[in-house]
Protein backbone atom coordinates (compact mmCIF):
# COMPACT_ATOMS: atom_id res chain seq x y z
CA UNK A 1 0.00 0.00 0.00
CA UNK A 2 1.24 3.52 -0.80
CA UNK A 3 1.26 4.53 2.87
CA UNK A 4 2.71 8.01 2.35
CA UNK A 5 -0.41 8.96 0.41
CA UNK A 6 -2.60 7.96 3.33
CA UNK A 7 -0.68 9.09 6.41
CA UNK A 8 1.53 12.21 6.80
CA UNK A 9 4.81 12.12 8.68
CA UNK A 10 4.53 10.81 12.23
CA UNK A 11 5.06 14.10 14.07
CA UNK A 12 2.62 15.93 11.80
CA UNK A 13 0.08 13.16 12.17
CA UNK A 14 0.28 13.38 15.95
CA UNK A 15 -0.34 17.15 15.73
CA UNK A 16 -3.42 16.46 13.62
CA UNK A 17 -4.62 14.00 16.24
CA UNK A 18 -4.34 16.62 18.96
CA UNK A 19 -6.21 19.19 16.86
CA UNK A 20 -8.91 16.67 16.06
CA UNK A 21 -9.30 15.70 19.70
CA UNK A 22 -9.67 19.34 20.72
CA UNK A 23 -12.32 19.94 18.09
CA UNK A 24 -14.18 16.72 18.62
CA UNK A 25 -14.46 17.21 22.36
CA UNK A 26 -16.87 20.09 21.75
CA UNK A 27 -19.12 18.07 19.44
CA UNK A 28 -20.45 15.46 21.85
CA UNK A 29 -23.49 14.76 19.73
CA UNK A 30 -21.34 13.56 16.86
CA UNK A 31 -18.38 11.81 18.49
CA UNK A 32 -16.59 10.88 21.70
CA UNK A 33 -12.91 10.35 22.40
CA UNK A 34 -11.58 7.83 24.87
CA UNK A 35 -8.31 9.18 26.29
CA UNK A 36 -7.52 5.82 27.85
CA UNK A 37 -5.02 3.79 25.84
CA UNK A 38 -5.32 0.02 25.83
CA UNK A 39 -3.02 -2.77 24.79
CA UNK A 40 -4.14 -3.59 21.28
CA UNK A 41 -3.25 -5.89 18.41
CA UNK A 42 -3.00 -4.00 15.12
CA UNK A 43 -3.25 -6.27 12.09
CA UNK A 44 -3.01 -5.10 8.46
CA UNK A 45 -3.61 -7.43 5.48
CA UNK A 46 -2.33 -5.51 2.45
CA UNK A 47 -2.85 -6.63 -1.16
CA UNK A 48 0.46 -6.57 -3.03
CA UNK A 49 0.61 -5.47 -6.63
CA UNK A 50 -2.60 -3.44 -6.43
CA UNK A 51 -1.05 -0.12 -7.48
CA UNK A 52 0.30 -1.60 -10.72
CA UNK A 53 -2.90 -3.61 -11.13
CA UNK A 54 -5.18 -0.57 -11.21
CA UNK A 55 -2.81 1.72 -13.10
CA UNK A 56 -2.34 -0.66 -16.03
CA UNK A 57 -5.74 -2.37 -16.24
CA UNK A 58 -9.43 -1.55 -16.58
CA UNK A 59 -10.45 0.21 -13.39
CA UNK A 60 -14.08 -1.02 -13.50
CA UNK A 61 -13.28 -4.73 -13.25
CA UNK A 62 -10.23 -4.09 -11.05
CA UNK A 63 -12.56 -2.45 -8.53
CA UNK A 64 -14.93 -5.44 -8.55
CA UNK A 65 -12.07 -7.92 -8.08
CA UNK A 66 -10.61 -5.89 -5.22
CA UNK A 67 -14.02 -5.63 -3.53
CA UNK A 68 -14.49 -9.41 -3.64
CA UNK A 69 -10.97 -10.00 -2.28
CA UNK A 70 -11.51 -7.58 0.60
CA UNK A 71 -14.87 -9.17 1.40
CA UNK A 72 -13.18 -12.58 1.43
CA UNK A 73 -10.55 -11.30 3.89
CA UNK A 74 -13.30 -9.93 6.13
CA UNK A 75 -15.08 -13.29 6.07
CA UNK A 76 -11.91 -15.12 7.15
CA UNK A 77 -11.35 -13.14 10.36
CA UNK A 78 -11.26 -15.94 12.92
CA UNK A 79 -9.60 -14.41 15.99
CA UNK A 80 -12.20 -11.82 16.96
CA UNK A 81 -10.64 -8.71 15.44
CA UNK A 82 -12.61 -5.52 14.76
CA UNK A 83 -12.37 -3.72 11.42
CA UNK A 84 -11.39 -0.07 11.85
CA UNK A 85 -10.79 1.04 8.25
CA UNK A 86 -10.72 -0.11 4.65
CA UNK A 87 -7.63 1.68 3.34
CA UNK A 88 -7.80 1.24 -0.42
CA UNK A 89 -6.16 -2.14 -0.94
CA UNK A 90 -5.68 -2.90 2.77
CA UNK A 91 -7.70 -3.54 5.92
CA UNK A 92 -6.92 -2.11 9.34
CA UNK A 93 -7.95 -4.59 12.05
CA UNK A 94 -7.55 -4.29 15.80
CA UNK A 95 -8.22 -6.39 18.88
CA UNK A 96 -7.99 -4.99 22.39
CA UNK A 97 -6.64 -6.94 25.32
CA UNK A 98 -4.36 -9.94 25.46
CA UNK A 99 -1.84 -10.37 22.66
CA UNK A 100 -2.47 -13.27 20.26
CA UNK A 101 -0.44 -16.43 20.65
CA UNK A 102 1.92 -17.48 17.90
CA UNK A 103 -0.48 -20.27 16.91
CA UNK A 104 -3.41 -17.84 16.71
CA UNK A 105 -1.52 -15.35 14.58
CA UNK A 106 0.04 -17.87 12.22
CA UNK A 107 -3.31 -19.62 11.83
CA UNK A 108 -5.00 -16.34 10.92
CA UNK A 109 -2.32 -15.40 8.40
CA UNK A 110 -2.38 -18.84 6.81
CA UNK A 111 -6.17 -18.92 6.48
CA UNK A 112 -6.34 -15.48 4.85
CA UNK A 113 -3.45 -16.21 2.51
CA UNK A 114 -4.76 -19.61 1.39
CA UNK A 115 -8.33 -18.37 0.83
CA UNK A 116 -7.03 -15.30 -1.01
CA UNK A 117 -5.11 -17.42 -3.51
CA UNK A 118 -7.87 -20.02 -3.72
CA UNK A 119 -10.19 -17.24 -4.91
CA UNK A 120 -7.64 -16.10 -7.51
CA UNK A 121 -7.21 -19.66 -8.81
CA UNK A 122 -10.96 -20.05 -9.21
CA UNK A 123 -11.26 -16.65 -10.83
CA UNK A 124 -8.58 -17.50 -13.39
CA UNK A 125 -10.19 -20.86 -14.16
CA UNK A 126 -13.72 -19.52 -14.59
CA UNK A 127 -13.11 -16.08 -16.05
CA UNK A 128 -14.32 -15.31 -19.57
CA UNK A 129 -13.32 -11.64 -19.71
CA UNK A 130 -9.99 -10.85 -21.34
CA UNK A 131 -9.59 -7.29 -20.09
CA UNK A 132 -6.30 -6.36 -18.45
CA UNK A 133 -7.72 -6.55 -14.92
CA UNK A 134 -9.23 -10.02 -15.31
CA UNK A 135 -6.18 -11.43 -17.14
CA UNK A 136 -3.70 -10.23 -14.52
CA UNK A 137 -5.68 -10.76 -11.31
CA UNK A 138 -3.88 -14.06 -10.64
CA UNK A 139 -0.63 -12.11 -10.18
CA UNK A 140 -1.90 -10.36 -7.06
CA UNK A 141 -0.70 -11.55 -3.67
CA UNK A 142 -0.90 -10.38 -0.07
CA UNK A 143 1.28 -9.45 2.88
CA UNK A 144 0.51 -8.96 6.57
CA UNK A 145 1.82 -6.68 9.31
CA UNK A 146 1.03 -7.44 12.96
CA UNK A 147 1.97 -5.06 15.78
CA UNK A 148 1.04 -4.67 19.44
CA UNK A 149 0.97 -1.59 21.64
CA UNK A 150 -1.03 1.08 23.42
CA UNK A 151 -3.81 2.49 21.26
CA UNK A 152 -6.64 4.95 21.93
CA UNK A 153 -10.00 4.80 20.20
CA UNK A 154 -12.11 7.62 18.84
CA UNK A 155 -15.81 7.10 18.07
CA UNK A 156 -17.02 9.20 15.16
CA UNK A 157 -20.73 8.71 14.40
CA UNK A 158 -20.53 5.22 15.85
CA UNK A 159 -17.42 4.20 13.90
CA UNK A 160 -14.15 3.36 15.65
CA UNK A 161 -11.04 5.26 14.57
CA UNK A 162 -7.71 4.25 16.10
CA UNK A 163 -5.28 6.86 17.41
CA UNK A 164 -1.76 6.75 18.76
CA UNK A 165 1.86 6.28 17.83
CA UNK A 166 1.55 2.51 17.55
CA UNK A 167 -0.99 2.87 14.74
CA UNK A 168 1.58 4.93 12.86
CA UNK A 169 4.30 2.39 13.61
CA UNK A 170 2.19 -0.45 12.20
CA UNK A 171 1.64 1.45 8.94
CA UNK A 172 5.30 2.48 8.73
CA UNK A 173 6.29 -1.18 8.93
CA UNK A 174 4.62 -1.72 5.57
CA UNK A 175 7.49 0.32 4.15
CA UNK A 176 10.39 -2.02 4.81
CA UNK A 177 13.43 -3.61 3.19
CA UNK A 178 11.93 -7.07 2.82
CA UNK A 179 12.58 -8.28 -0.72
CA UNK A 180 9.20 -9.92 -1.15
CA UNK A 181 5.56 -9.08 -1.82
CA UNK A 182 4.17 -11.95 0.25
CA UNK A 183 5.21 -12.12 3.89
CA UNK A 184 4.00 -12.04 7.44
CA UNK A 185 5.74 -9.35 9.51
CA UNK A 186 5.54 -9.46 13.32
CA UNK A 187 6.90 -6.61 15.41
CA UNK A 188 9.20 -7.14 18.40
CA UNK A 189 6.51 -5.64 20.68
CA UNK A 190 4.03 -8.29 19.58
CA UNK A 191 6.49 -11.14 20.01
CA UNK A 192 7.46 -9.96 23.51
CA UNK A 193 3.81 -9.72 24.59
CA UNK A 194 3.26 -13.49 24.64
CA UNK A 195 5.60 -16.26 25.79
CA UNK A 196 4.32 -18.48 22.98
CA UNK A 197 6.24 -16.50 20.35
CA UNK A 198 9.42 -18.22 21.54
CA UNK A 199 8.12 -21.23 19.62
CA UNK A 200 7.89 -19.36 16.32
CA UNK A 201 10.83 -21.16 14.63
CA UNK A 202 9.22 -24.53 15.38
CA UNK A 203 5.75 -23.50 14.16
CA UNK A 204 6.82 -21.45 11.12
CA UNK A 205 6.39 -22.80 7.57
CA UNK A 206 9.49 -20.95 6.33
CA UNK A 207 12.71 -19.46 7.63
CA UNK A 208 12.36 -16.93 10.45
CA UNK A 209 14.24 -13.75 9.58
CA UNK A 210 14.97 -10.98 12.09
CA UNK A 211 15.36 -7.39 10.90
CA UNK A 212 16.14 -3.97 12.34
CA UNK A 213 15.34 -0.77 10.45
CA UNK A 214 15.53 2.94 11.11
CA UNK A 215 12.28 4.92 10.77
CA UNK A 216 11.26 8.51 11.50
CA UNK A 217 10.00 7.33 14.91
CA UNK A 218 13.25 5.48 15.71
CA UNK A 219 14.47 1.91 15.33
CA UNK A 220 12.06 -0.91 14.69
CA UNK A 221 12.79 -4.58 15.20
CA UNK A 222 10.63 -7.23 13.61
CA UNK A 223 10.59 -10.79 12.37
CA UNK A 224 9.13 -11.94 9.07
CA UNK A 225 8.25 -15.15 7.26
CA UNK A 226 7.88 -15.74 3.54
CA UNK A 227 4.35 -16.85 2.65
CA UNK A 228 5.08 -18.48 -0.70
CA UNK A 229 5.49 -21.99 0.81
CA UNK A 230 1.79 -21.78 1.77
CA UNK A 231 0.85 -21.92 -1.92
CA UNK A 232 1.23 -25.70 -1.61
CA UNK A 233 -1.85 -25.62 0.66
CA UNK A 234 -4.00 -23.78 -1.89
CA UNK A 235 -6.33 -26.37 -3.45
CA UNK A 236 -6.89 -26.52 -7.18
CA UNK A 237 -10.49 -25.71 -8.16
CA UNK A 238 -12.65 -28.75 -8.75
CA UNK A 239 -14.22 -28.86 -12.23
CA UNK A 240 -18.00 -28.44 -12.08
CA UNK A 241 -20.52 -29.54 -14.70
CA UNK A 242 -23.36 -27.01 -14.64
CA UNK A 243 -25.27 -28.57 -17.52
CA UNK A 244 -28.56 -30.46 -17.20
CA UNK A 245 -27.77 -34.15 -17.83
CA UNK A 246 -29.90 -35.56 -20.61
CA UNK A 247 -31.33 -32.21 -21.78
CA UNK A 248 -31.19 -33.13 -25.46
CA UNK A 249 -34.75 -32.50 -26.64
CA UNK A 250 -34.94 -29.23 -28.59
CA UNK A 251 -38.22 -27.48 -27.81
CA UNK A 252 -37.67 -23.92 -29.10
CA UNK A 253 -35.34 -22.21 -31.54
CA UNK A 254 -35.57 -18.54 -32.53
CA UNK A 255 -33.08 -16.08 -33.97
CA UNK A 256 -32.66 -12.37 -34.59
CA UNK A 257 -30.32 -10.22 -36.65
CA UNK A 258 -28.89 -7.67 -34.24
CA UNK A 259 -27.68 -4.38 -35.68
CA UNK A 260 -24.58 -4.19 -33.51
CA UNK A 261 -21.08 -5.73 -33.54
CA UNK A 262 -20.49 -9.08 -31.85
CA UNK A 263 -18.54 -7.68 -28.90
CA UNK A 264 -21.33 -5.23 -28.01
CA UNK A 265 -24.07 -7.84 -28.42
CA UNK A 266 -22.22 -10.27 -26.15
CA UNK A 267 -21.47 -7.55 -23.60
CA UNK A 268 -25.19 -6.83 -23.27
CA UNK A 269 -26.51 -10.38 -23.25
CA UNK A 270 -23.92 -11.57 -20.71
CA UNK A 271 -25.00 -8.88 -18.23
CA UNK A 272 -27.51 -10.84 -16.15
CA UNK A 273 -28.28 -7.90 -13.88
CA UNK A 274 -29.63 -6.11 -16.98
CA UNK A 275 -31.59 -9.01 -18.48
CA UNK A 276 -34.98 -7.82 -17.22
CA UNK A 277 -34.59 -4.52 -19.08
CA UNK A 278 -35.32 -6.19 -22.42
CA UNK A 279 -36.59 -9.73 -21.68
CA UNK A 280 -40.34 -10.00 -22.27
CA UNK A 281 -42.30 -10.80 -19.10
CA UNK A 282 -39.26 -10.54 -16.81
CA UNK A 283 -39.77 -8.38 -13.72
CA UNK A 284 -36.23 -8.53 -12.37
CA UNK A 285 -32.93 -10.43 -12.39
CA UNK A 286 -31.40 -11.20 -9.02
CA UNK A 287 -29.37 -13.73 -6.98
CA UNK A 288 -26.18 -12.90 -8.89
CA UNK A 289 -23.10 -14.45 -7.29
CA UNK A 290 -20.45 -12.49 -9.23
CA UNK A 291 -20.16 -8.90 -10.36
CA UNK A 292 -18.10 -9.95 -13.39
CA UNK A 293 -19.69 -12.61 -15.62
CA UNK A 294 -17.84 -15.93 -15.61
CA UNK A 295 -18.44 -19.66 -15.85
CA UNK A 296 -20.69 -20.44 -12.91
CA UNK A 297 -22.36 -17.03 -12.75
CA UNK A 298 -25.90 -17.31 -11.41
CA UNK A 299 -29.08 -15.34 -11.83
CA UNK A 300 -32.77 -15.83 -11.14
CA UNK A 301 -35.40 -14.78 -13.65
CA UNK A 302 -38.06 -13.07 -11.54
CA UNK A 303 -41.36 -13.74 -13.31
CA UNK A 304 -43.97 -14.35 -10.61
CA UNK A 305 -41.91 -13.50 -7.51
CA UNK A 306 -42.42 -16.97 -6.08
CA UNK A 307 -40.62 -20.31 -5.84
CA UNK A 308 -41.44 -21.17 -9.44
CA UNK A 309 -39.05 -18.49 -10.76
CA UNK A 310 -36.22 -20.31 -12.59
CA UNK A 311 -32.64 -20.10 -11.31
CA UNK A 312 -29.94 -20.32 -13.98
CA UNK A 313 -26.20 -20.96 -14.00
CA UNK A 314 -24.18 -19.83 -17.02
CA UNK A 315 -21.47 -22.11 -18.38
CA UNK A 316 -19.82 -23.59 -21.45
CA UNK A 317 -18.49 -20.35 -22.88
CA UNK A 318 -16.79 -21.00 -26.21
CA UNK A 319 -14.99 -18.36 -28.25
CA UNK A 320 -14.11 -18.97 -31.89
CA UNK A 321 -13.27 -16.61 -34.70
CA UNK A 322 -16.37 -14.47 -35.27
CA UNK A 323 -18.56 -16.62 -32.97
CA UNK A 324 -19.44 -16.98 -29.28
CA UNK A 325 -21.58 -19.68 -27.71
CA UNK A 326 -22.62 -20.28 -24.10
CA UNK A 327 -25.40 -21.93 -22.13
CA UNK A 328 -27.63 -21.16 -19.16
CA UNK A 329 -28.96 -24.19 -17.29
CA UNK A 330 -31.66 -24.62 -14.68
CA UNK A 331 -31.36 -27.94 -12.85
CA UNK A 332 -34.71 -27.48 -11.11
CA UNK A 333 -36.56 -26.81 -14.37
CA UNK A 334 -34.54 -29.31 -16.45
CA UNK A 335 -33.85 -26.60 -19.03
CA UNK A 336 -30.75 -25.52 -20.91
CA UNK A 337 -30.77 -22.42 -23.11
CA UNK A 338 -27.94 -22.22 -25.64
CA UNK A 339 -26.98 -18.85 -27.15
CA UNK A 340 -24.98 -18.61 -30.34
CA UNK A 341 -23.75 -15.20 -31.48
CA UNK A 342 -22.18 -14.96 -34.91
CA UNK A 343 -20.67 -11.90 -36.58
CA UNK A 344 -22.21 -11.76 -40.10
CA UNK A 345 -21.20 -8.36 -41.40
CA UNK A 346 -20.28 -4.79 -40.50
CA UNK A 347 -22.03 -4.05 -37.16
CA UNK A 348 -24.31 -7.07 -37.55
CA UNK A 349 -24.62 -10.13 -35.33
CA UNK A 350 -26.95 -13.07 -35.67
CA UNK A 351 -28.18 -14.33 -32.32
CA UNK A 352 -29.73 -17.77 -32.08
CA UNK A 353 -31.55 -18.93 -28.96
CA UNK A 354 -32.23 -22.65 -28.54
CA UNK A 355 -33.92 -24.28 -25.54
CA UNK A 356 -33.41 -27.94 -24.63
CA UNK A 357 -35.04 -30.15 -22.02
CA UNK A 358 -35.09 -33.81 -20.98
CA UNK A 359 -37.18 -36.11 -23.18
CA UNK A 360 -40.58 -36.80 -21.60
CA UNK A 361 -43.46 -37.70 -23.91
CA UNK A 362 -46.34 -36.41 -21.80
CA UNK A 363 -44.63 -33.21 -20.64
CA UNK A 364 -43.57 -32.42 -24.21
CA UNK A 365 -47.09 -33.07 -25.47
CA UNK A 366 -48.58 -30.65 -22.93
CA UNK A 367 -45.88 -28.08 -23.70
CA UNK A 368 -46.48 -28.24 -27.45
CA UNK A 369 -50.25 -28.01 -27.05
CA UNK A 370 -50.59 -25.27 -24.46
CA UNK A 371 -47.32 -23.42 -23.80
CA UNK A 372 -44.97 -23.45 -26.79
CA UNK A 373 -46.70 -20.76 -28.84
CA UNK A 374 -46.61 -18.32 -25.93
CA UNK A 375 -42.94 -19.05 -25.14
CA UNK A 376 -41.91 -18.65 -28.79
CA UNK A 377 -43.76 -15.33 -29.02
CA UNK A 378 -42.11 -14.08 -25.81
CA UNK A 379 -38.64 -15.19 -26.98
CA UNK A 380 -39.07 -13.39 -30.31
CA UNK A 381 -40.14 -10.24 -28.48
CA UNK A 382 -37.15 -10.51 -26.15
CA UNK A 383 -34.68 -10.65 -29.03
CA UNK A 384 -36.51 -7.80 -30.78
CA UNK A 385 -36.16 -5.67 -27.62
CA UNK A 386 -32.54 -6.72 -27.34
CA UNK A 387 -31.83 -5.48 -30.86
CA UNK A 388 -33.58 -2.21 -30.09
CA UNK A 389 -31.36 -1.59 -27.06
CA UNK A 390 -28.17 -2.35 -29.02
CA UNK A 391 -29.28 -0.03 -31.84
CA UNK A 392 -29.86 2.70 -29.28
CA UNK A 393 -26.31 2.26 -27.93
CA UNK A 394 -24.93 2.62 -31.46
CA UNK A 395 -27.07 5.71 -32.18
CA UNK A 396 -25.97 7.38 -28.95
CA UNK A 397 -22.32 6.34 -29.39
CA UNK A 398 -22.32 4.55 -26.02
CA UNK A 399 -21.04 1.25 -24.69
CA UNK A 400 -22.91 -1.06 -22.35
CA UNK A 401 -21.32 -0.82 -18.86
CA UNK A 402 -20.77 -4.58 -18.37
CA UNK A 403 -17.38 -4.23 -20.13
CA UNK A 404 -16.73 -7.92 -20.81
CA UNK A 405 -13.80 -8.05 -23.25
CA UNK A 406 -13.75 -10.91 -25.75
CA UNK A 407 -10.56 -12.94 -26.28
CA UNK A 408 -8.35 -11.65 -29.08
CA UNK A 409 -9.12 -14.68 -31.27
CA UNK A 410 -12.68 -13.40 -31.65
CA UNK A 411 -12.54 -10.71 -34.33
CA UNK A 412 -15.86 -8.84 -34.72
CA UNK A 413 -16.64 -7.83 -38.28
CA UNK A 414 -16.90 -4.01 -38.27
């Protein structure tokens, strides 16, 4: 994390604290300041490579990926820490009272690190977007700084803000001479606060290295461990078949010539949060599990707002020159919808929608007699509306905000 952009020099920061305390003391209705310092663990997970990640890639998807990683780190807090701040690409945690044992701290670091890289492995396996952010997300990693000392707490509109020199020290320790982007750093103060830290060399997964550095607040002694050996504990994602077994009976097939290039047409149709804006009879689209479309993305088609509303999982994305195909399957409804988008000329894409189900004589008979005509009519209207939206984007010289980038082997015909 670029700490100097977040915190000023230590002496200046302490002056600001004093000025803030003086001002806040007269605004009792908005905040309260506790002058009493307490022994506190300060723990900072900091995503490494984020600055380069956002400066050289698409900011929209980079933001979504970062949000999901930070949420994952919050969900893997197992030692009762409180979250004080989200500082860009880092989290500021604290826990008052007794210092953590070496087993507690190493366990917390290991869990966060392993789950962080497990997410990135899954993202790389399931991603379909080829933008710079999505293609380089797997290069991100994480480091941790843990410190212990006397900290005061300020309550501003119900939110805890930490104050004191030790908060500054913890952030300063992120700027160090460690030649690595993935490490766990533990300050001398933390290690001296619990007898269990004497067992660190026996419990560590890599070499224990002791360091001493000079900072603006004085000398700092700390110990660090490389985290890379923990990659061996990161499981490989298990392949998942999202298709409906035996859904081979074609019940509907409609198509539409869309007056837009292939990349735009795919960008719109792969945005499940937007599906209800053009799909005939659809009230809403919800229950999305990812902000960036990928294999395994889910959505529910809200039609009646009851349990009968179908829940779909997208999968089987295939990208060939001038063509994209993918499927959406509903296990509960035994349906698979296959989309095929083909570039057929300058700013023209043919979209074909085919629905399959499991063979069942009586169900198919009832469907053909009483339902098929209505479903075909609705599907045709949906594709007609879809074309109208794409034409509007072209006329207004806009792009759809989903921003899914096709692989380079797919060359839209412009």
